[in-house]
Amino acid sequence: MSGSNGADDVLHTESRYRWGVIRPTTGDEDGSSGNSEPLLSPDIVTLRNGLHLQDYTAEGVEEAMTRYWPLVDEHVANGAQRVSLAGVPISSQLGRQRVLELLGETERTRGVVADTASEAIIAGLQHLGISRIAVASRWAPELNDKLVAYLEEVGIRTVSITSEGQWAKEAFAMSIEQGVKLAAQLGREAMRKAPGAGGLLLPGGAWRSLAVVPLLEEDFGRPVITNGMARAWRLIHDGISPPKAGWGTLLATP
């Protein structure tokens, strides 16, 4: 009799690598798990939950982070082997020392690999040898200042940065089309202001900036990095997923 065995299917599912992502807002708009972007091997299961963050202010981040540990525990209970905290403004408001302490405690007490979008971005930039970057940001100046300071702690200098004055409400309200257009616009603006930059950073997940990465890399001949790319690259770099061509220099460079 042909066909798969039910027990084998369960075993295969349980043996797949499981990656837990904690997002600033809800876990996933349609309540599903899986890869929302074609960056990783289909054998990797992406689990999502969310902090339900109200704003990227210092107070808003502190309130949202009260839910961090229960969300980590939810991912661990669902078999996650790695947990990543998304949201560059979250890490920027917390500060790098606190982020590193949080990651260390997560790994020590929960037994999983822990990461954040900001730390993944830093690792990706360092892997590519980039120490001077242009930043296409849509955030308010206060958030930009915190991001610049975070990067400076590891010797990465921001030579230009844009701003659209956005906080969480404006960022989350953008349509996919609006986000893609804004990412392309601000990416070009940031690079034109800093022709000597070694690369371009498009931080933030809400504006779906991955779509413009190949275009901007072709326009300026420099690597372009987004949150999602950097977090996915961590798995590529660790040999968990194969390199991915066509979505930017970083993903093709394990």
C-alpha atoms as a PDB file:
ATOM      1  CA  MET A   1       0.000   0.000   0.000  1.00  0.00           C
ATOM      2  CA  SER A   2       1.457   3.347  -1.014  1.00  0.00           C
ATOM      3  CA  GLY A   3       1.333   6.596   0.935  1.00  0.00           C
ATOM      4  CA  SER A   4       3.029   7.963   4.013  1.00  0.00           C
ATOM      5  CA  ASN A   5       2.748   6.460   7.445  1.00  0.00           C
ATOM      6  CA  GLY A   6       1.096   8.689  10.057  1.00  0.00           C
ATOM      7  CA  ALA A   7       3.724   7.949  12.686  1.00  0.00           C
ATOM      8  CA  ASP A   8       6.477   8.752  10.201  1.00  0.00           C
ATOM      9  CA  ASP A   9       4.815  12.077   9.399  1.00  0.00           C
ATOM     10  CA  VAL A  10       4.685  13.006  13.077  1.00  0.00           C
ATOM     11  CA  LEU A  11       8.309  11.994  13.571  1.00  0.00           C
ATOM     12  CA  HIS A  12       9.390  14.050  10.541  1.00  0.00           C
ATOM     13  CA  THR A  13       7.528  17.115  11.804  1.00  0.00           C
ATOM     14  CA  GLU A  14       9.007  16.810  15.272  1.00  0.00           C
ATOM     15  CA  SER A  15      12.521  16.409  13.914  1.00  0.00           C
ATOM     16  CA  ARG A  16      12.429  19.583  11.826  1.00  0.00           C
ATOM     17  CA  TYR A  17      14.307  22.643  13.060  1.00  0.00           C
ATOM     18  CA  ARG A  18      11.934  24.958  14.882  1.00  0.00           C
ATOM     19  CA  TRP A  19      12.618  28.695  15.068  1.00  0.00           C
ATOM     20  CA  GLY A  20      10.590  30.885  17.392  1.00  0.00           C
ATOM     21  CA  VAL A  21      10.169  34.551  16.484  1.00  0.00           C
ATOM     22  CA  ILE A  22       8.786  37.073  18.969  1.00  0.00           C
ATOM     23  CA  ARG A  23       7.323  39.959  17.019  1.00  0.00           C
ATOM     24  CA  PRO A  24       6.474  43.468  18.313  1.00  0.00           C
ATOM     25  CA  THR A  25       2.777  43.060  17.521  1.00  0.00           C
ATOM     26  CA  THR A  26       0.683  39.927  17.117  1.00  0.00           C
ATOM     27  CA  GLY A  27       2.423  36.673  16.254  1.00  0.00           C
ATOM     28  CA  ASP A  28       1.086  36.269  12.742  1.00  0.00           C
ATOM     29  CA  GLU A  29      -1.787  38.042  11.035  1.00  0.00           C
ATOM     30  CA  ASP A  30      -3.455  34.835   9.867  1.00  0.00           C
ATOM     31  CA  GLY A  31      -2.571  32.839  12.956  1.00  0.00           C
ATOM     32  CA  SER A  32      -0.379  30.404  11.026  1.00  0.00           C
ATOM     33  CA  SER A  33       3.173  29.192  11.300  1.00  0.00           C
ATOM     34  CA  GLY A  34       5.612  28.834   8.451  1.00  0.00           C
ATOM     35  CA  ASN A  35       7.916  30.977   6.344  1.00  0.00           C
ATOM     36  CA  SER A  36       6.377  34.262   5.216  1.00  0.00           C
ATOM     37  CA  GLU A  37       9.351  35.058   2.981  1.00  0.00           C
ATOM     38  CA  PRO A  38      11.300  32.661   0.751  1.00  0.00           C
ATOM     39  CA  LEU A  39      14.532  32.937   2.682  1.00  0.00           C
ATOM     40  CA  LEU A  40      14.920  29.621   4.487  1.00  0.00           C
ATOM     41  CA  SER A  41      14.678  25.936   3.729  1.00  0.00           C
ATOM     42  CA  PRO A  42      11.098  24.611   3.833  1.00  0.00           C
ATOM     43  CA  ASP A  43      12.329  22.094   6.405  1.00  0.00           C
ATOM     44  CA  ILE A  44      12.552  24.911   8.954  1.00  0.00           C
ATOM     45  CA  VAL A  45       9.373  25.583  10.914  1.00  0.00           C
ATOM     46  CA  THR A  46       8.922  29.231  11.918  1.00  0.00           C
ATOM     47  CA  LEU A  47       6.784  29.759  15.008  1.00  0.00           C
ATOM     48  CA  ARG A  48       5.482  33.242  15.774  1.00  0.00           C
ATOM     49  CA  ASN A  49       3.972  35.038  18.712  1.00  0.00           C
ATOM     50  CA  GLY A  50       3.830  38.706  19.641  1.00  0.00           C
ATOM     51  CA  LEU A  51       4.510  41.224  22.398  1.00  0.00           C
ATOM     52  CA  HIS A  52       1.390  43.272  21.582  1.00  0.00           C
ATOM     53  CA  LEU A  53       3.524  46.394  21.851  1.00  0.00           C
ATOM     54  CA  GLN A  54       1.564  49.643  21.923  1.00  0.00           C
ATOM     55  CA  ASP A  55       4.386  52.009  20.982  1.00  0.00           C
ATOM     56  CA  TYR A  56       8.149  52.161  20.520  1.00  0.00           C
ATOM     57  CA  THR A  57       8.567  54.702  23.309  1.00  0.00           C
ATOM     58  CA  ALA A  58      10.728  53.693  26.282  1.00  0.00           C
ATOM     59  CA  GLU A  59       7.573  53.211  28.348  1.00  0.00           C
ATOM     60  CA  GLY A  60       5.870  51.195  25.630  1.00  0.00           C
ATOM     61  CA  VAL A  61       8.858  48.892  25.232  1.00  0.00           C
ATOM     62  CA  GLU A  62       9.141  48.331  28.988  1.00  0.00           C
ATOM     63  CA  GLU A  63       5.458  47.402  29.205  1.00  0.00           C
ATOM     64  CA  ALA A  64       5.682  45.031  26.241  1.00  0.00           C
ATOM     65  CA  MET A  65       8.794  43.317  27.586  1.00  0.00           C
ATOM     66  CA  THR A  66       6.846  42.144  30.622  1.00  0.00           C
ATOM     67  CA  ARG A  67       5.493  39.516  28.206  1.00  0.00           C
ATOM     68  CA  TYR A  68       8.895  38.393  26.922  1.00  0.00           C
ATOM     69  CA  TRP A  69       9.452  35.410  29.202  1.00  0.00           C
ATOM     70  CA  PRO A  70       5.983  33.873  28.771  1.00  0.00           C
ATOM     71  CA  LEU A  71       6.434  34.140  25.001  1.00  0.00           C
ATOM     72  CA  VAL A  72       9.869  32.511  25.174  1.00  0.00           C
ATOM     73  CA  ASP A  73       8.385  29.721  27.266  1.00  0.00           C
ATOM     74  CA  GLU A  74       5.587  29.270  24.727  1.00  0.00           C
ATOM     75  CA  HIS A  75       8.128  28.801  21.955  1.00  0.00           C
ATOM     76  CA  VAL A  76      10.203  26.404  24.044  1.00  0.00           C
ATOM     77  CA  ALA A  77       7.094  24.383  24.866  1.00  0.00           C
ATOM     78  CA  ASN A  78       6.421  24.146  21.128  1.00  0.00           C
ATOM     79  CA  GLY A  79       9.900  22.749  20.495  1.00  0.00           C
ATOM     80  CA  ALA A  80      11.784  25.870  19.384  1.00  0.00           C
ATOM     81  CA  GLN A  81      15.545  25.419  19.293  1.00  0.00           C
ATOM     82  CA  ARG A  82      16.191  29.115  18.679  1.00  0.00           C
ATOM     83  CA  VAL A  83      14.257  32.202  19.763  1.00  0.00           C
ATOM     84  CA  SER A  84      14.649  35.584  18.045  1.00  0.00           C
ATOM     85  CA  LEU A  85      13.275  38.895  19.301  1.00  0.00           C
ATOM     86  CA  ALA A  86      12.281  41.021  16.315  1.00  0.00           C
ATOM     87  CA  GLY A  87      11.966  44.803  16.397  1.00  0.00           C
ATOM     88  CA  VAL A  88      15.080  46.968  16.122  1.00  0.00           C
ATOM     89  CA  PRO A  89      13.429  49.831  18.078  1.00  0.00           C
ATOM     90  CA  ILE A  90      12.889  47.432  20.979  1.00  0.00           C
ATOM     91  CA  SER A  91      16.588  46.599  21.235  1.00  0.00           C
ATOM     92  CA  SER A  92      17.501  50.240  20.632  1.00  0.00           C
ATOM     93  CA  GLN A  93      15.368  51.388  23.568  1.00  0.00           C
ATOM     94  CA  LEU A  94      16.674  48.628  25.842  1.00  0.00           C
ATOM     95  CA  GLY A  95      20.318  49.345  25.014  1.00  0.00           C
ATOM     96  CA  ARG A  96      22.933  46.811  24.000  1.00  0.00           C
ATOM     97  CA  GLN A  97      24.170  45.842  27.464  1.00  0.00           C
ATOM     98  CA  ARG A  98      20.665  44.946  28.578  1.00  0.00           C
ATOM     99  CA  VAL A  99      19.987  43.075  25.337  1.00  0.00           C
ATOM    100  CA  LEU A 100      23.110  40.963  25.757  1.00  0.00           C
ATOM    101  CA  GLU A 101      22.187  40.206  29.359  1.00  0.00           C
ATOM    102  CA  LEU A 102      18.699  39.184  28.243  1.00  0.00           C
ATOM    103  CA  LEU A 103      20.054  36.878  25.548  1.00  0.00           C
ATOM    104  CA  GLY A 104      22.519  35.328  27.957  1.00  0.00           C
ATOM    105  CA  GLU A 105      19.805  34.657  30.519  1.00  0.00           C
ATOM    106  CA  THR A 106      17.511  33.204  27.866  1.00  0.00           C
ATOM    107  CA  GLU A 107      20.151  30.738  26.711  1.00  0.00           C
ATOM    108  CA  ARG A 108      21.211  29.865  30.240  1.00  0.00           C
ATOM    109  CA  THR A 109      17.743  29.307  31.707  1.00  0.00           C
ATOM    110  CA  ARG A 110      15.799  28.009  28.682  1.00  0.00           C
ATOM    111  CA  GLY A 111      18.496  26.052  26.848  1.00  0.00           C
ATOM    112  CA  VAL A 112      17.855  27.592  23.428  1.00  0.00           C
ATOM    113  CA  VAL A 113      19.885  29.813  21.123  1.00  0.00           C
ATOM    114  CA  ALA A 114      18.722  33.412  21.638  1.00  0.00           C
ATOM    115  CA  ASP A 115      19.010  36.330  19.236  1.00  0.00           C
ATOM    116  CA  THR A 116      17.560  39.722  18.361  1.00  0.00           C
ATOM    117  CA  ALA A 117      17.154  41.532  15.069  1.00  0.00           C
ATOM    118  CA  SER A 118      19.735  44.135  16.106  1.00  0.00           C
ATOM    119  CA  GLU A 119      22.374  41.573  17.075  1.00  0.00           C
ATOM    120  CA  ALA A 120      21.753  39.666  13.843  1.00  0.00           C
ATOM    121  CA  ILE A 121      22.201  42.884  11.852  1.00  0.00           C
ATOM    122  CA  ILE A 122      25.486  43.613  13.637  1.00  0.00           C
ATOM    123  CA  ALA A 123      26.733  40.092  12.975  1.00  0.00           C
ATOM    124  CA  GLY A 124      25.793  40.362   9.297  1.00  0.00           C
ATOM    125  CA  LEU A 125      27.510  43.719   8.868  1.00  0.00           C
ATOM    126  CA  GLN A 126      30.645  42.466  10.574  1.00  0.00           C
ATOM    127  CA  HIS A 127      30.597  39.294   8.444  1.00  0.00           C
ATOM    128  CA  LEU A 128      30.603  41.465   5.313  1.00  0.00           C
ATOM    129  CA  GLY A 129      33.299  43.756   6.719  1.00  0.00           C
ATOM    130  CA  ILE A 130      31.038  46.820   6.764  1.00  0.00           C
ATOM    131  CA  SER A 131      31.831  49.472   9.386  1.00  0.00           C
ATOM    132  CA  ARG A 132      30.260  52.543   7.723  1.00  0.00           C
ATOM    133  CA  ILE A 133      26.598  52.364   6.815  1.00  0.00           C
ATOM    134  CA  ALA A 134      23.749  54.411   5.458  1.00  0.00           C
ATOM    135  CA  VAL A 135      20.445  53.812   7.262  1.00  0.00           C
ATOM    136  CA  ALA A 136      17.084  54.146   5.529  1.00  0.00           C
ATOM    137  CA  SER A 137      14.899  54.751   8.566  1.00  0.00           C
ATOM    138  CA  ARG A 138      11.288  55.852   8.749  1.00  0.00           C
ATOM    139  CA  TRP A 139      11.354  56.274  12.518  1.00  0.00           C
ATOM    140  CA  ALA A 140      11.267  59.343  14.708  1.00  0.00           C
ATOM    141  CA  PRO A 141      14.603  61.063  15.507  1.00  0.00           C
ATOM    142  CA  GLU A 142      14.598  59.722  19.093  1.00  0.00           C
ATOM    143  CA  LEU A 143      14.516  56.140  17.824  1.00  0.00           C
ATOM    144  CA  ASN A 144      17.147  56.920  15.214  1.00  0.00           C
ATOM    145  CA  ASP A 145      19.469  58.303  17.889  1.00  0.00           C
ATOM    146  CA  LYS A 146      19.075  55.145  19.961  1.00  0.00           C
ATOM    147  CA  LEU A 147      19.811  52.948  16.937  1.00  0.00           C
ATOM    148  CA  VAL A 148      22.908  54.962  16.001  1.00  0.00           C
ATOM    149  CA  ALA A 149      24.212  54.688  19.578  1.00  0.00           C
ATOM    150  CA  TYR A 150      23.562  50.926  19.609  1.00  0.00           C
ATOM    151  CA  LEU A 151      25.597  50.409  16.450  1.00  0.00           C
ATOM    152  CA  GLU A 152      28.388  52.707  17.600  1.00  0.00           C
ATOM    153  CA  GLU A 153      28.984  50.422  20.594  1.00  0.00           C
ATOM    154  CA  VAL A 154      30.403  47.826  18.212  1.00  0.00           C
ATOM    155  CA  GLY A 155      32.278  50.289  16.003  1.00  0.00           C
ATOM    156  CA  ILE A 156      29.696  50.584  13.224  1.00  0.00           C
ATOM    157  CA  ARG A 157      29.363  54.220  12.175  1.00  0.00           C
ATOM    158  CA  THR A 158      26.156  55.589  10.692  1.00  0.00           C
ATOM    159  CA  VAL A 159      27.174  58.091   8.004  1.00  0.00           C
ATOM    160  CA  SER A 160      23.624  59.008   6.961  1.00  0.00           C
ATOM    161  CA  ILE A 161      20.156  58.291   8.292  1.00  0.00           C
ATOM    162  CA  THR A 162      16.680  59.288   7.144  1.00  0.00           C
ATOM    163  CA  SER A 163      13.517  59.926   9.147  1.00  0.00           C
ATOM    164  CA  GLU A 164       9.791  59.980   8.453  1.00  0.00           C
ATOM    165  CA  GLY A 165       8.936  60.670  12.100  1.00  0.00           C
ATOM    166  CA  GLN A 166       7.148  57.351  12.566  1.00  0.00           C
ATOM    167  CA  TRP A 167       6.339  55.635  15.843  1.00  0.00           C
ATOM    168  CA  ALA A 168       4.682  52.242  16.139  1.00  0.00           C
ATOM    169  CA  LYS A 169       1.160  53.369  15.200  1.00  0.00           C
ATOM    170  CA  GLU A 170       2.251  54.834  11.870  1.00  0.00           C
ATOM    171  CA  ALA A 171       4.609  51.951  11.109  1.00  0.00           C
ATOM    172  CA  PHE A 172       2.006  49.248  11.728  1.00  0.00           C
ATOM    173  CA  ALA A 173      -0.635  51.110   9.726  1.00  0.00           C
ATOM    174  CA  MET A 174       1.299  51.047   6.430  1.00  0.00           C
ATOM    175  CA  SER A 175       0.069  48.833   3.626  1.00  0.00           C
ATOM    176  CA  ILE A 176       2.538  46.510   1.924  1.00  0.00           C
ATOM    177  CA  GLU A 177       2.528  48.738  -1.162  1.00  0.00           C
ATOM    178  CA  GLN A 178       3.186  51.876   0.904  1.00  0.00           C
ATOM    179  CA  GLY A 179       5.977  50.143   2.773  1.00  0.00           C
ATOM    180  CA  VAL A 180       7.760  48.909  -0.336  1.00  0.00           C
ATOM    181  CA  LYS A 181       7.583  52.336  -1.988  1.00  0.00           C
ATOM    182  CA  LEU A 182       8.855  54.075   1.135  1.00  0.00           C
ATOM    183  CA  ALA A 183      11.709  51.581   1.547  1.00  0.00           C
ATOM    184  CA  ALA A 184      12.879  52.240  -2.000  1.00  0.00           C
ATOM    185  CA  GLN A 185      12.541  56.017  -1.592  1.00  0.00           C
ATOM    186  CA  LEU A 186      14.387  56.238   1.726  1.00  0.00           C
ATOM    187  CA  GLY A 187      16.993  53.695   0.663  1.00  0.00           C
ATOM    188  CA  ARG A 188      17.952  55.838  -2.298  1.00  0.00           C
ATOM    189  CA  GLU A 189      17.904  58.983  -0.182  1.00  0.00           C
ATOM    190  CA  ALA A 190      20.196  57.473   2.460  1.00  0.00           C
ATOM    191  CA  MET A 191      22.708  56.196  -0.099  1.00  0.00           C
ATOM    192  CA  ARG A 192      22.816  59.454  -2.046  1.00  0.00           C
ATOM    193  CA  LYS A 193      23.697  61.258   1.166  1.00  0.00           C
ATOM    194  CA  ALA A 194      26.525  58.805   1.886  1.00  0.00           C
ATOM    195  CA  PRO A 195      28.213  57.601  -1.308  1.00  0.00           C
ATOM    196  CA  GLY A 196      31.133  56.274   0.760  1.00  0.00           C
ATOM    197  CA  ALA A 197      28.987  53.976   2.882  1.00  0.00           C
ATOM    198  CA  GLY A 198      29.937  50.314   2.722  1.00  0.00           C
ATOM    199  CA  GLY A 199      26.338  49.173   2.862  1.00  0.00           C
ATOM    200  CA  LEU A 200      22.713  50.156   3.417  1.00  0.00           C
ATOM    201  CA  LEU A 201      20.541  49.135   6.357  1.00  0.00           C
ATOM    202  CA  LEU A 202      16.746  49.131   6.058  1.00  0.00           C
ATOM    203  CA  PRO A 203      15.671  48.407   9.661  1.00  0.00           C
ATOM    204  CA  GLY A 204      12.115  47.500  10.554  1.00  0.00           C
ATOM    205  CA  GLY A 205       9.877  44.639   9.522  1.00  0.00           C
ATOM    206  CA  ALA A 206       6.504  46.330   9.034  1.00  0.00           C
ATOM    207  CA  TRP A 207       7.322  47.857   5.652  1.00  0.00           C
ATOM    208  CA  ARG A 208       8.255  44.586   3.868  1.00  0.00           C
ATOM    209  CA  SER A 209      11.551  46.040   2.639  1.00  0.00           C
ATOM    210  CA  LEU A 210      12.952  42.716   1.398  1.00  0.00           C
ATOM    211  CA  ALA A 211      11.287  43.326  -1.968  1.00  0.00           C
ATOM    212  CA  VAL A 212      13.535  46.298  -2.765  1.00  0.00           C
ATOM    213  CA  VAL A 213      16.854  44.727  -1.719  1.00  0.00           C
ATOM    214  CA  PRO A 214      17.879  43.373  -5.168  1.00  0.00           C
ATOM    215  CA  LEU A 215      16.900  46.671  -6.806  1.00  0.00           C
ATOM    216  CA  LEU A 216      18.886  48.841  -4.383  1.00  0.00           C
ATOM    217  CA  GLU A 217      21.920  46.559  -4.527  1.00  0.00           C
ATOM    218  CA  GLU A 218      21.885  46.856  -8.310  1.00  0.00           C
ATOM    219  CA  ASP A 219      21.494  50.645  -8.142  1.00  0.00           C
ATOM    220  CA  PHE A 220      24.328  51.310  -5.702  1.00  0.00           C
ATOM    221  CA  GLY A 221      26.592  48.267  -5.854  1.00  0.00           C
ATOM    222  CA  ARG A 222      26.583  47.871  -2.059  1.00  0.00           C
ATOM    223  CA  PRO A 223      25.098  45.200   0.219  1.00  0.00           C
ATOM    224  CA  VAL A 224      21.637  45.984   1.558  1.00  0.00           C
ATOM    225  CA  ILE A 225      20.445  44.434   4.814  1.00  0.00           C
ATOM    226  CA  THR A 226      16.997  44.203   6.404  1.00  0.00           C
ATOM    227  CA  ASN A 227      15.822  42.794   9.746  1.00  0.00           C
ATOM    228  CA  GLY A 228      14.353  39.648   8.267  1.00  0.00           C
ATOM    229  CA  MET A 229      17.402  39.002   6.112  1.00  0.00           C
ATOM    230  CA  ALA A 230      19.763  39.316   9.066  1.00  0.00           C
ATOM    231  CA  ARG A 231      17.744  37.005  11.304  1.00  0.00           C
ATOM    232  CA  ALA A 232      17.458  34.418   8.538  1.00  0.00           C
ATOM    233  CA  TRP A 233      21.158  34.748   7.720  1.00  0.00           C
ATOM    234  CA  ARG A 234      21.989  33.623  11.239  1.00  0.00           C
ATOM    235  CA  LEU A 235      20.508  30.209  10.385  1.00  0.00           C
ATOM    236  CA  ILE A 236      22.337  30.167   7.055  1.00  0.00           C
ATOM    237  CA  HIS A 237      25.615  31.113   8.726  1.00  0.00           C
ATOM    238  CA  ASP A 238      25.126  28.338  11.300  1.00  0.00           C
ATOM    239  CA  GLY A 239      24.588  25.770   8.559  1.00  0.00           C
ATOM    240  CA  ILE A 240      20.933  25.169   9.415  1.00  0.00           C
ATOM    241  CA  SER A 241      19.643  26.501   6.080  1.00  0.00           C
ATOM    242  CA  PRO A 242      21.466  26.769   2.713  1.00  0.00           C
ATOM    243  CA  PRO A 243      22.563  30.088   1.168  1.00  0.00           C
ATOM    244  CA  LYS A 244      19.825  31.881  -0.738  1.00  0.00           C
ATOM    245  CA  ALA A 245      20.656  33.553  -4.052  1.00  0.00           C
ATOM    246  CA  GLY A 246      18.618  36.380  -5.509  1.00  0.00           C
ATOM    247  CA  TRP A 247      17.707  38.134  -2.257  1.00  0.00           C
ATOM    248  CA  GLY A 248      20.827  40.138  -1.579  1.00  0.00           C
ATOM    249  CA  THR A 249      24.522  39.692  -0.863  1.00  0.00           C
ATOM    250  CA  LEU A 250      24.177  38.692   2.790  1.00  0.00           C
ATOM    251  CA  LEU A 251      21.896  35.705   2.229  1.00  0.00           C
ATOM    252  CA  ALA A 252      24.204  34.376  -0.487  1.00  0.00           C
ATOM    253  CA  THR A 253      27.277  34.742   1.743  1.00  0.00           C
ATOM    254  CA  PRO A 254      27.228  32.199   4.587  1.00  0.00           C
END
